[in-house]
Amino acid sequence: MTYQEKIKVLETLYNETPEFELILNKLLEMSIQNVKNKISEYEKILKEYENKYNLKSKEAYEKFEAGKLGDSIDYMEWSGIYELHSKAQDKIKTIGIAA
């Protein structure tokens, strides 16, 4: 069954079963909590880099992207974690809108 077919089945169930809304809400809550947990993990790592290099993550990311920090593995990882953190925050906003 394709993703789209599964969505159609869920729509049918939703229309026929009032309890299904509770299930969807719970799924959204769980999704939000999972993303929030990831954000917390990313923030802990970002804070470690900020303390190590005495530089805010946003500023470090911008400098790295502009080629002003070099190519050390720390800067590459820091940049990657910053991107994951940003994407996770965007995901929270999207899920929040759907909730």
N, C-alpha and C. Protein backbone atom coordinates (compact mmCIF):
# COMPACT_ATOMS: atom_id res chain seq x y z
N MET A 1 0.85 -1.18 0.00
CA MET A 1 0.00 0.00 0.00
C MET A 1 0.90 1.24 0.00
N THR A 2 0.61 2.17 -0.88
CA THR A 2 1.42 3.38 -0.97
C THR A 2 1.07 4.34 0.16
N TYR A 3 1.93 5.31 0.32
CA TYR A 3 1.72 6.34 1.34
C TYR A 3 0.37 7.04 1.11
N GLN A 4 0.10 7.41 -0.13
CA GLN A 4 -1.15 8.10 -0.45
C GLN A 4 -2.37 7.22 -0.16
N GLU A 5 -2.26 5.93 -0.44
CA GLU A 5 -3.37 5.01 -0.15
C GLU A 5 -3.61 4.92 1.35
N LYS A 6 -2.54 4.89 2.11
CA LYS A 6 -2.67 4.85 3.56
C LYS A 6 -3.36 6.10 4.09
N ILE A 7 -3.00 7.25 3.53
CA ILE A 7 -3.63 8.50 3.93
C ILE A 7 -5.13 8.47 3.63
N LYS A 8 -5.49 7.93 2.48
CA LYS A 8 -6.92 7.83 2.11
C LYS A 8 -7.67 6.95 3.12
N VAL A 9 -7.05 5.83 3.51
CA VAL A 9 -7.67 4.95 4.50
C VAL A 9 -7.85 5.70 5.82
N LEU A 10 -6.81 6.44 6.22
CA LEU A 10 -6.90 7.21 7.46
C LEU A 10 -8.00 8.26 7.39
N GLU A 11 -8.12 8.92 6.24
CA GLU A 11 -9.19 9.91 6.08
C GLU A 11 -10.56 9.26 6.23
N THR A 12 -10.72 8.08 5.66
CA THR A 12 -11.99 7.35 5.77
C THR A 12 -12.27 7.00 7.23
N LEU A 13 -11.26 6.50 7.92
CA LEU A 13 -11.42 6.16 9.33
C LEU A 13 -11.76 7.40 10.16
N TYR A 14 -11.08 8.49 9.86
CA TYR A 14 -11.32 9.72 10.60
C TYR A 14 -12.76 10.18 10.45
N ASN A 15 -13.27 10.09 9.25
CA ASN A 15 -14.65 10.53 9.01
C ASN A 15 -15.67 9.63 9.68
N GLU A 16 -15.31 8.38 9.90
CA GLU A 16 -16.26 7.41 10.45
C GLU A 16 -16.07 7.18 11.95
N THR A 17 -14.94 7.57 12.52
CA THR A 17 -14.63 7.25 13.90
C THR A 17 -14.20 8.50 14.68
N PRO A 18 -15.06 9.00 15.55
CA PRO A 18 -14.70 10.20 16.32
C PRO A 18 -13.44 10.01 17.17
N GLU A 19 -13.21 8.80 17.65
CA GLU A 19 -12.04 8.52 18.48
C GLU A 19 -10.73 8.67 17.71
N PHE A 20 -10.84 8.62 16.41
CA PHE A 20 -9.64 8.69 15.58
C PHE A 20 -8.95 10.05 15.74
N GLU A 21 -9.72 11.09 16.00
CA GLU A 21 -9.13 12.41 16.22
C GLU A 21 -8.22 12.39 17.44
N LEU A 22 -8.63 11.67 18.47
CA LEU A 22 -7.79 11.54 19.67
C LEU A 22 -6.47 10.84 19.33
N ILE A 23 -6.56 9.82 18.48
CA ILE A 23 -5.36 9.10 18.07
C ILE A 23 -4.43 10.02 17.28
N LEU A 24 -4.99 10.80 16.36
CA LEU A 24 -4.19 11.73 15.56
C LEU A 24 -3.53 12.78 16.45
N ASN A 25 -4.29 13.31 17.40
CA ASN A 25 -3.73 14.31 18.32
C ASN A 25 -2.59 13.73 19.14
N LYS A 26 -2.76 12.49 19.60
CA LYS A 26 -1.71 11.84 20.38
C LYS A 26 -0.46 11.63 19.52
N LEU A 27 -0.66 11.23 18.29
CA LEU A 27 0.46 11.04 17.37
C LEU A 27 1.20 12.36 17.14
N LEU A 28 0.46 13.44 16.97
CA LEU A 28 1.09 14.75 16.81
C LEU A 28 1.85 15.16 18.07
N GLU A 29 1.27 14.92 19.23
CA GLU A 29 1.94 15.24 20.50
C GLU A 29 3.25 14.45 20.63
N MET A 30 3.20 13.17 20.29
CA MET A 30 4.40 12.34 20.36
C MET A 30 5.46 12.83 19.38
N SER A 31 5.03 13.22 18.20
CA SER A 31 5.96 13.73 17.20
C SER A 31 6.61 15.01 17.69
N ILE A 32 5.82 15.90 18.26
CA ILE A 32 6.37 17.15 18.80
C ILE A 32 7.38 16.86 19.90
N GLN A 33 7.05 15.93 20.79
CA GLN A 33 7.96 15.62 21.89
C GLN A 33 9.26 15.00 21.38
N ASN A 34 9.17 14.14 20.38
CA ASN A 34 10.39 13.55 19.81
C ASN A 34 11.29 14.62 19.20
N VAL A 35 10.70 15.55 18.49
CA VAL A 35 11.49 16.62 17.88
C VAL A 35 12.07 17.53 18.97
N LYS A 36 11.29 17.82 20.00
CA LYS A 36 11.80 18.64 21.10
C LYS A 36 12.98 17.97 21.79
N ASN A 37 12.92 16.65 21.94
CA ASN A 37 14.04 15.92 22.53
C ASN A 37 15.29 16.05 21.67
N LYS A 38 15.12 15.95 20.37
CA LYS A 38 16.25 16.12 19.45
C LYS A 38 16.82 17.53 19.56
N ILE A 39 15.93 18.52 19.61
CA ILE A 39 16.38 19.90 19.75
C ILE A 39 17.23 20.07 21.01
N SER A 40 16.80 19.48 22.10
CA SER A 40 17.56 19.56 23.36
C SER A 40 18.94 18.94 23.20
N GLU A 41 19.01 17.79 22.53
CA GLU A 41 20.31 17.15 22.28
C GLU A 41 21.20 18.05 21.43
N TYR A 42 20.63 18.62 20.38
CA TYR A 42 21.41 19.50 19.51
C TYR A 42 21.89 20.73 20.27
N GLU A 43 21.03 21.29 21.11
CA GLU A 43 21.39 22.49 21.86
C GLU A 43 22.53 22.22 22.84
N LYS A 44 22.55 21.04 23.42
CA LYS A 44 23.63 20.67 24.32
C LYS A 44 24.96 20.63 23.56
N ILE A 45 24.95 20.02 22.38
CA ILE A 45 26.16 19.93 21.56
C ILE A 45 26.59 21.32 21.09
N LEU A 46 25.61 22.12 20.63
CA LEU A 46 25.93 23.48 20.17
C LEU A 46 26.55 24.30 21.30
N LYS A 47 26.02 24.17 22.50
CA LYS A 47 26.54 24.92 23.65
C LYS A 47 27.99 24.51 23.94
N GLU A 48 28.30 23.23 23.78
CA GLU A 48 29.68 22.77 24.00
C GLU A 48 30.63 23.44 23.01
N TYR A 49 30.22 23.51 21.75
CA TYR A 49 31.05 24.18 20.75
C TYR A 49 31.16 25.67 21.03
N GLU A 50 30.06 26.30 21.42
CA GLU A 50 30.08 27.72 21.72
C GLU A 50 31.06 28.02 22.85
N ASN A 51 31.03 27.18 23.88
CA ASN A 51 31.95 27.36 25.00
C ASN A 51 33.40 27.10 24.58
N LYS A 52 33.61 26.09 23.78
CA LYS A 52 34.96 25.72 23.34
C LYS A 52 35.59 26.82 22.49
N TYR A 53 34.80 27.41 21.60
CA TYR A 53 35.34 28.40 20.66
C TYR A 53 34.93 29.84 20.98
N ASN A 54 34.19 30.02 22.08
CA ASN A 54 33.75 31.35 22.49
C ASN A 54 33.10 32.11 21.33
N LEU A 55 32.14 31.43 20.70
CA LEU A 55 31.46 31.96 19.52
C LEU A 55 30.04 31.40 19.49
N LYS A 56 29.08 32.23 19.18
CA LYS A 56 27.69 31.76 19.07
C LYS A 56 27.56 30.88 17.83
N SER A 57 26.67 29.91 17.90
CA SER A 57 26.50 28.95 16.81
C SER A 57 26.08 29.61 15.50
N LYS A 58 25.17 30.55 15.58
CA LYS A 58 24.72 31.23 14.35
C LYS A 58 25.88 31.94 13.66
N GLU A 59 26.66 32.64 14.45
CA GLU A 59 27.81 33.36 13.90
C GLU A 59 28.84 32.38 13.33
N ALA A 60 29.09 31.30 14.04
CA ALA A 60 30.03 30.29 13.56
C ALA A 60 29.54 29.67 12.26
N TYR A 61 28.25 29.40 12.20
CA TYR A 61 27.67 28.81 10.99
C TYR A 61 27.84 29.74 9.80
N GLU A 62 27.53 31.01 10.01
CA GLU A 62 27.65 31.99 8.92
C GLU A 62 29.10 32.12 8.46
N LYS A 63 30.03 32.14 9.41
CA LYS A 63 31.45 32.22 9.05
C LYS A 63 31.90 30.96 8.32
N PHE A 64 31.45 29.82 8.80
CA PHE A 64 31.83 28.56 8.16
C PHE A 64 31.31 28.51 6.73
N GLU A 65 30.06 28.89 6.54
CA GLU A 65 29.46 28.87 5.21
C GLU A 65 30.15 29.86 4.27
N ALA A 66 30.69 30.94 4.83
CA ALA A 66 31.40 31.94 4.03
C ALA A 66 32.86 31.55 3.81
N GLY A 67 33.28 30.42 4.38
CA GLY A 67 34.65 29.96 4.21
C GLY A 67 35.66 30.68 5.10
N LYS A 68 35.19 31.28 6.19
CA LYS A 68 36.07 32.06 7.05
C LYS A 68 36.55 31.31 8.30
N LEU A 69 36.15 30.06 8.47
CA LEU A 69 36.57 29.31 9.65
C LEU A 69 37.53 28.16 9.33
N GLY A 70 37.65 27.82 8.09
CA GLY A 70 38.49 26.68 7.73
C GLY A 70 37.68 25.41 7.64
N ASP A 71 38.40 24.31 7.50
CA ASP A 71 37.74 23.02 7.26
C ASP A 71 37.98 21.99 8.35
N SER A 72 38.17 22.45 9.58
CA SER A 72 38.40 21.47 10.65
C SER A 72 37.15 20.63 10.86
N ILE A 73 37.35 19.43 11.34
CA ILE A 73 36.23 18.51 11.57
C ILE A 73 35.25 19.11 12.59
N ASP A 74 35.75 19.85 13.58
CA ASP A 74 34.87 20.49 14.57
C ASP A 74 33.91 21.46 13.89
N TYR A 75 34.44 22.28 13.00
CA TYR A 75 33.59 23.27 12.34
C TYR A 75 32.58 22.60 11.42
N MET A 76 32.99 21.53 10.78
CA MET A 76 32.06 20.80 9.90
C MET A 76 30.93 20.18 10.72
N GLU A 77 31.30 19.56 11.84
CA GLU A 77 30.28 18.94 12.70
C GLU A 77 29.38 20.01 13.31
N TRP A 78 29.97 21.07 13.80
CA TRP A 78 29.22 22.18 14.39
C TRP A 78 28.20 22.72 13.39
N SER A 79 28.65 22.94 12.17
CA SER A 79 27.77 23.44 11.12
C SER A 79 26.62 22.46 10.84
N GLY A 80 26.96 21.17 10.78
CA GLY A 80 25.93 20.15 10.55
C GLY A 80 24.90 20.10 11.65
N ILE A 81 25.36 20.15 12.89
CA ILE A 81 24.44 20.14 14.04
C ILE A 81 23.57 21.39 14.02
N TYR A 82 24.16 22.52 13.66
CA TYR A 82 23.38 23.76 13.58
C TYR A 82 22.27 23.63 12.54
N GLU A 83 22.59 23.03 11.39
CA GLU A 83 21.57 22.82 10.36
C GLU A 83 20.47 21.88 10.84
N LEU A 84 20.86 20.78 11.49
CA LEU A 84 19.86 19.85 12.03
C LEU A 84 18.97 20.54 13.06
N HIS A 85 19.57 21.37 13.89
CA HIS A 85 18.82 22.12 14.90
C HIS A 85 17.81 23.05 14.23
N SER A 86 18.23 23.75 13.21
CA SER A 86 17.34 24.67 12.48
C SER A 86 16.19 23.92 11.82
N LYS A 87 16.50 22.79 11.20
CA LYS A 87 15.45 21.98 10.55
C LYS A 87 14.47 21.44 11.58
N ALA A 88 14.97 21.03 12.73
CA ALA A 88 14.10 20.51 13.78
C ALA A 88 13.17 21.61 14.30
N GLN A 89 13.68 22.82 14.43
CA GLN A 89 12.83 23.93 14.86
C GLN A 89 11.75 24.22 13.81
N ASP A 90 12.10 24.16 12.55
CA ASP A 90 11.11 24.34 11.48
C ASP A 90 10.05 23.25 11.54
N LYS A 91 10.49 22.03 11.82
CA LYS A 91 9.56 20.89 11.90
C LYS A 91 8.57 21.10 13.04
N ILE A 92 9.05 21.61 14.18
CA ILE A 92 8.16 21.89 15.32
C ILE A 92 7.09 22.89 14.90
N LYS A 93 7.48 23.91 14.17
CA LYS A 93 6.51 24.90 13.72
C LYS A 93 5.47 24.26 12.81
N THR A 94 5.92 23.42 11.89
CA THR A 94 5.00 22.76 10.95
C THR A 94 4.05 21.83 11.71
N ILE A 95 4.57 21.03 12.61
CA ILE A 95 3.73 20.11 13.38
C ILE A 95 2.76 20.91 14.24
N GLY A 96 3.24 22.00 14.83
CA GLY A 96 2.39 22.83 15.67
C GLY A 96 1.23 23.42 14.92
N ILE A 97 1.46 23.77 13.67
CA ILE A 97 0.39 24.30 12.84
C ILE A 97 -0.65 23.21 12.58
N ALA A 98 -0.19 21.98 12.39
CA ALA A 98 -1.09 20.87 12.09
C ALA A 98 -1.87 20.43 13.33
N ALA A 99 -1.31 20.67 14.49
CA ALA A 99 -1.94 20.19 15.73
C ALA A 99 -3.17 20.98 16.11
